[in-house]
N, C-alpha and C. Protein backbone atom coordinates (compact mmCIF):
# COMPACT_ATOMS: atom_id res chain seq x y z
N MET A 1 21.93 -12.70 -1.63
CA MET A 1 22.31 -11.72 -0.95
C MET A 1 22.97 -12.48 0.97
N ASN A 2 23.95 -11.19 0.73
CA ASN A 2 25.17 -11.56 1.57
C ASN A 2 24.33 -11.87 2.70
N TYR A 3 24.86 -12.29 3.83
CA TYR A 3 23.99 -13.75 5.01
C TYR A 3 24.20 -11.66 5.59
N ASN A 4 24.98 -11.62 6.12
CA ASN A 4 24.88 -10.32 7.18
C ASN A 4 24.19 -9.25 7.59
N TRP A 5 24.00 -9.08 5.87
CA TRP A 5 23.16 -7.98 5.22
C TRP A 5 21.82 -8.58 5.96
N ALA A 6 21.34 -9.44 5.60
CA ALA A 6 20.61 -9.67 6.66
C ALA A 6 20.00 -9.56 8.27
N ILE A 7 21.15 -9.48 8.98
CA ILE A 7 21.19 -9.39 9.65
C ILE A 7 20.53 -8.40 9.83
N TYR A 8 22.35 -7.20 9.14
CA TYR A 8 21.78 -5.78 9.65
C TYR A 8 20.26 -5.91 9.45
N LYS A 9 19.50 -6.20 8.46
CA LYS A 9 18.02 -5.17 7.79
C LYS A 9 17.15 -5.38 8.82
N TYR A 10 17.56 -6.98 9.64
CA TYR A 10 16.51 -7.32 10.15
C TYR A 10 16.62 -6.52 11.72
N ILE A 11 17.88 -6.03 11.92
CA ILE A 11 17.90 -4.78 13.63
C ILE A 11 17.11 -3.74 13.05
N VAL A 12 17.44 -2.91 12.21
CA VAL A 12 17.19 -2.36 11.46
C VAL A 12 15.51 -2.12 10.83
N PHE A 13 14.74 -3.56 10.74
CA PHE A 13 13.73 -3.46 10.29
C PHE A 13 12.94 -3.43 11.95
N LEU A 14 12.99 -4.32 12.89
CA LEU A 14 13.33 -4.10 14.76
C LEU A 14 12.73 -2.24 15.49
N SER A 15 14.56 -1.24 14.88
CA SER A 15 14.68 0.16 15.52
C SER A 15 13.74 0.60 14.84
N LYS A 16 12.98 0.12 13.81
CA LYS A 16 11.28 0.73 13.46
C LYS A 16 10.05 1.59 14.09
N ASP A 17 10.04 0.52 14.55
CA ASP A 17 8.84 0.44 16.17
C ASP A 17 9.69 2.11 17.14
N TYR A 18 10.57 2.59 17.05
CA TYR A 18 11.62 3.39 18.16
C TYR A 18 11.36 4.29 17.50
N LYS A 19 10.94 5.92 18.18
CA LYS A 19 11.44 6.55 18.05
C LYS A 19 13.24 7.25 17.18
N SER A 20 13.80 6.62 18.25
CA SER A 20 15.35 7.55 17.52
C SER A 20 15.92 6.07 17.33
N ASN A 21 17.04 5.73 17.03
CA ASN A 21 18.11 4.95 17.33
C ASN A 21 18.59 5.76 18.48
N ARG A 22 19.20 6.53 18.74
CA ARG A 22 19.75 6.28 20.54
C ARG A 22 18.66 5.35 21.57
N LEU A 23 16.89 5.66 21.93
CA LEU A 23 15.91 5.10 22.20
C LEU A 23 15.81 3.44 21.88
N PHE A 24 16.05 2.95 20.52
CA PHE A 24 16.71 1.40 19.92
C PHE A 24 17.81 0.80 20.96
N ALA A 25 18.52 1.64 20.78
CA ALA A 25 20.41 0.98 21.37
C ALA A 25 19.88 1.73 22.65
N ASP A 26 19.31 2.52 23.73
CA ASP A 26 19.13 2.14 25.02
C ASP A 26 18.21 0.99 25.25
N THR A 27 16.88 1.05 24.65
CA THR A 27 16.43 -0.27 25.27
C THR A 27 17.59 -1.63 24.93
N HIS A 28 17.66 -1.50 23.74
CA HIS A 28 18.79 -2.84 23.54
C HIS A 28 19.70 -3.32 24.58
N ASN A 29 20.19 -2.31 24.86
CA ASN A 29 21.82 -2.04 25.99
C ASN A 29 22.31 -2.42 25.25
N ILE A 30 22.64 -2.05 23.69
CA ILE A 30 24.36 -1.17 22.99
C ILE A 30 24.79 0.14 22.27
N ASP A 31 25.66 0.10 22.22
CA ASP A 31 25.83 1.33 21.96
C ASP A 31 25.44 1.58 21.26
N GLU A 32 25.27 2.99 20.67
CA GLU A 32 24.29 4.13 20.19
C GLU A 32 25.11 3.31 18.46
N GLY A 33 26.12 3.81 18.45
CA GLY A 33 27.44 4.50 17.64
C GLY A 33 27.52 2.69 17.11
N THR A 34 27.14 1.62 18.14
CA THR A 34 27.41 0.12 16.90
C THR A 34 26.12 0.12 16.58
N PHE A 35 24.69 0.75 16.84
CA PHE A 35 23.83 0.88 16.17
C PHE A 35 23.65 1.32 14.88
N ARG A 36 24.30 2.20 15.08
CA ARG A 36 24.91 3.37 13.31
C ARG A 36 25.85 2.49 12.73
N ASP A 37 26.63 1.70 13.36
CA ASP A 37 27.16 1.28 12.19
C ASP A 37 26.52 0.22 11.05
N ILE A 38 25.92 -0.73 12.90
CA ILE A 38 25.01 -1.64 11.59
C ILE A 38 23.69 -0.80 10.43
N GLU A 39 23.00 0.78 10.90
CA GLU A 39 22.72 0.67 10.65
C GLU A 39 23.38 1.22 9.27
N ASN A 40 24.09 1.75 9.40
CA ASN A 40 25.64 2.20 7.94
C ASN A 40 25.61 1.60 6.61
N ALA A 41 26.03 0.24 7.58
CA ALA A 41 26.08 -1.16 6.58
C ALA A 41 25.14 -1.67 5.79
N TRP A 42 24.19 -1.33 6.48
CA TRP A 42 23.07 -2.13 5.55
C TRP A 42 22.11 -0.57 4.73
N ARG A 43 22.45 0.69 4.85
CA ARG A 43 22.26 1.07 3.78
C ARG A 43 23.63 1.44 2.56
N ASN A 44 24.43 1.63 2.89
CA ASN A 44 25.31 1.75 1.66
C ASN A 44 25.62 0.23 1.15
N ASN A 45 25.32 -1.12 1.97
CA ASN A 45 25.52 -2.47 1.52
C ASN A 45 27.45 -2.59 2.18
N GLU A 46 27.44 -2.21 3.20
CA GLU A 46 29.06 -1.73 3.56
C GLU A 46 28.86 -3.41 4.26
N ASP A 47 30.17 -4.14 5.05
CA ASP A 47 30.77 -4.88 5.69
C ASP A 47 30.40 -4.90 6.72
N TYR A 48 30.10 -4.85 8.23
CA TYR A 48 30.69 -5.18 9.02
C TYR A 48 30.37 -5.37 9.92
N GLN A 49 31.17 -6.26 11.37
CA GLN A 49 31.53 -7.39 12.30
C GLN A 49 30.71 -7.32 13.22
N ILE A 50 30.03 -7.76 12.79
CA ILE A 50 29.10 -7.49 13.80
C ILE A 50 29.17 -8.69 15.80
N SER A 51 28.91 -8.44 16.18
CA SER A 51 29.39 -9.45 17.60
C SER A 51 28.80 -10.56 18.14
N LEU A 52 28.54 -11.53 18.75
CA LEU A 52 28.16 -11.90 19.20
C LEU A 52 26.78 -11.53 20.39
N PRO A 53 28.20 -11.01 20.54
CA PRO A 53 26.59 -10.19 22.08
C PRO A 53 25.93 -9.55 21.43
N THR A 54 26.46 -8.39 20.86
CA THR A 54 25.37 -7.69 20.52
C THR A 54 24.50 -7.97 20.46
N ILE A 55 23.90 -8.98 19.13
CA ILE A 55 22.91 -10.16 18.61
C ILE A 55 22.01 -10.48 19.84
N TYR A 56 23.02 -11.14 21.29
CA TYR A 56 22.05 -11.43 22.01
C TYR A 56 21.91 -10.63 22.51
N ARG A 57 22.72 -9.22 23.15
CA ARG A 57 21.85 -8.53 23.56
C ARG A 57 19.87 -7.66 23.03
N ILE A 58 20.48 -7.12 22.27
CA ILE A 58 19.35 -7.80 21.11
C ILE A 58 18.41 -8.42 21.28
N CYS A 59 19.06 -9.95 21.54
CA CYS A 59 17.36 -10.84 22.18
C CYS A 59 17.03 -10.58 23.55
N GLN A 60 18.15 -10.50 24.63
CA GLN A 60 17.33 -10.57 25.78
C GLN A 60 16.26 -8.90 25.94
N ALA A 61 16.36 -8.47 24.83
CA ALA A 61 15.38 -6.68 25.59
C ALA A 61 14.18 -7.19 24.48
N LYS A 62 14.03 -8.30 23.04
CA LYS A 62 13.22 -8.94 22.86
C LYS A 62 13.40 -9.67 23.08
N ASN A 63 13.51 -10.20 24.98
CA ASN A 63 13.36 -11.88 24.81
C ASN A 63 12.61 -12.57 23.63
N ILE A 64 13.76 -13.27 22.88
CA ILE A 64 13.28 -14.28 22.34
C ILE A 64 15.61 -14.79 22.69
N SER A 65 14.76 -15.73 21.39
CA SER A 65 16.12 -16.84 21.23
C SER A 65 16.67 -16.45 19.95
N ILE A 66 18.37 -16.27 20.74
CA ILE A 66 19.28 -16.68 19.15
C ILE A 66 19.11 -17.96 18.31
N TYR A 67 18.31 -18.66 18.34
CA TYR A 67 17.78 -19.48 17.81
C TYR A 67 15.79 -18.55 16.60
N LYS A 68 15.27 -17.79 17.66
CA LYS A 68 14.34 -17.24 16.80
C LYS A 68 14.61 -15.68 15.64
N PHE A 69 16.69 -14.99 16.15
CA PHE A 69 16.66 -14.28 16.01
C PHE A 69 16.58 -14.71 14.30
N PHE A 70 17.89 -15.83 14.10
CA PHE A 70 18.19 -16.32 13.44
C PHE A 70 16.47 -16.71 12.00
N SER A 71 15.55 -17.29 12.64
CA SER A 71 14.40 -17.46 12.03
C SER A 71 14.06 -16.72 11.40
N GLU A 72 13.80 -14.95 12.74
CA GLU A 72 12.77 -13.81 11.99
C GLU A 72 14.32 -13.88 11.08
N VAL A 73 15.75 -13.62 10.38
CA VAL A 73 16.27 -13.20 10.13
C VAL A 73 16.43 -14.17 8.14
N GLU A 74 15.81 -15.56 8.39
CA GLU A 74 15.25 -15.25 7.14
C GLU A 74 14.16 -15.59 6.58
N ARG A 75 13.02 -15.03 7.79
CA ARG A 75 11.97 -14.83 6.99
C ARG A 75 11.96 -12.89 6.65
N VAL A 76 12.37 -12.82 6.69
CA VAL A 76 12.89 -11.04 6.34
C VAL A 76 13.85 -10.75 5.61
N LYS A 77 14.47 -11.78 5.02
CA LYS A 77 16.03 -10.78 4.03
C LYS A 77 15.04 -10.64 2.92
N ASP A 78 14.03 -11.69 2.85
CA ASP A 78 13.73 -10.51 1.09
C ASP A 78 12.36 -9.58 1.33
N LEU A 79 12.08 -9.70 2.54
CA LEU A 79 10.54 -8.00 2.32
C LEU A 79 12.29 -6.49 2.64
N VAL A 80 11.16 -5.92 1.75
CA VAL A 80 11.45 -4.43 1.72
C VAL A 80 11.41 -3.66 2.64
N VAL A 81 12.82 -2.51 3.38
CA VAL A 81 13.39 -2.17 4.18
C VAL A 81 13.18 -0.89 3.67
N GLU A 82 12.37 -0.01 3.99
CA GLU A 82 12.48 1.76 3.40
C GLU A 82 14.01 2.06 4.21
N LYS A 83 15.18 2.27 3.54
CA LYS A 83 16.40 2.72 3.75
C LYS A 83 15.90 4.66 4.19
């Protein structure tokens, strides 16, 4: 599995608790367009170069460390998340 795709998958997994992409993006201090790019890359198995600051903002909003984020990416990479 492409590791970038696993990162997208985890972020989309995190977004499932929110009613809309906009709410997830606003809550995590990222641009809604950036989140759409991540979600589209995940859905279409495309490449998107997610920035470390974007990952960091998501971590801050979730109150987790970068280490925990990537540990969770490893943990959920083989889970099935509905597209």
